[in-house]
């Protein structure tokens, strides 16, 4: 007498075709998303942003700034061809680079290739938190205390913004200024550098003494340039601040508590702050936004699913208009694997206008 077949062990049931179809579809979806993301990361897009500046001098109406940030030593083509394609039709007056320029171990090759794309346009740059220190205080080859990547950029005509830089147009004046200058305790810094100078000059001759002396002399010269800029600055002048780490409520409140009311006017005189650092959250979810933002309050950690205005685009912080570049590369401080997901590398043309913008 034959045994009846148990349906639980029916081969036909165990190999249901719908399971295979589901797995295949899932694999196809994952592969498609991965391919689309690779294509997205291999190109560079150009964004456009208008910014209203009250009492903008007529000479700076429609003044355009090409804002670049967070290259992180990456190449978009052997000679930055994707960047070149993105900005080929762009109209801009100056270029502002807000840090994280170099790659691993301070590799500057990608940045120097990038500079070649801008032709005769003035380029202004500041370092980022993942770049080597701008000032070298230890013995090294050469006589300049500036880091090698800064000297190399200067040799190609780029301007290192370590003090306010004046730009005149018609009867109007615009200052590009590193953000920290607005809260500088000038007298305290001068006293500290003068004390340091006396200490270094009293040292015995050595490579260490030479390096330290070059650094402190540079710092004193830097203070002189800042003081001269303050003497030239008028209330009618436009101020564009440059910072790598975006300003946030916590940072501004701390600055105000430290500087007191006398310096609040300097902070609030900024017409626009250009920032980078966040790379738009690095990973982005369509319809949701950034997955994670680096902490900028000094408290450690990071922020999961931050408000988008905290990581990219135009926003207002304590009355200061700030534009955070989506950036080009990936950052080690985000706390995510170094790949951009649904986050196309982006450069922005910012247009200054006296007209109200939406």
Foldseek 3Di string as FASTA:
>chain_A
DDDDDDVVPDPCVVPPPVVVVVVVVVVVVVVVQVVVQVVLLLAAAEAEAEAAFALAPPQQAFAKEWEAEQPQADASPPLNVRVLVRCVPPDHQAYEYQANQYHPPQHNVRVVSVLVSVPPHAYEYEYDPPHPDQAAQAQDPDQARGDPNVVVVVVSPYHYAPAWDWDDGDPAIEIEHALVLLLDPLVVQLVVLVVQLVVLVPDDDDSNSSSNNNRSVVVNVRSVRNVVVVVVDDLSYAYEYHHAQDDAQLNVVVSCVVRDDVSPVSNLRHREYEYEQFLQQQEADVPQGHQWGFDDNPPDDTDGSDDSCNRAAWDAHPNHIYGYANHNFADPRRVDPGHRRPRRHYIYMYTYHNDDDD
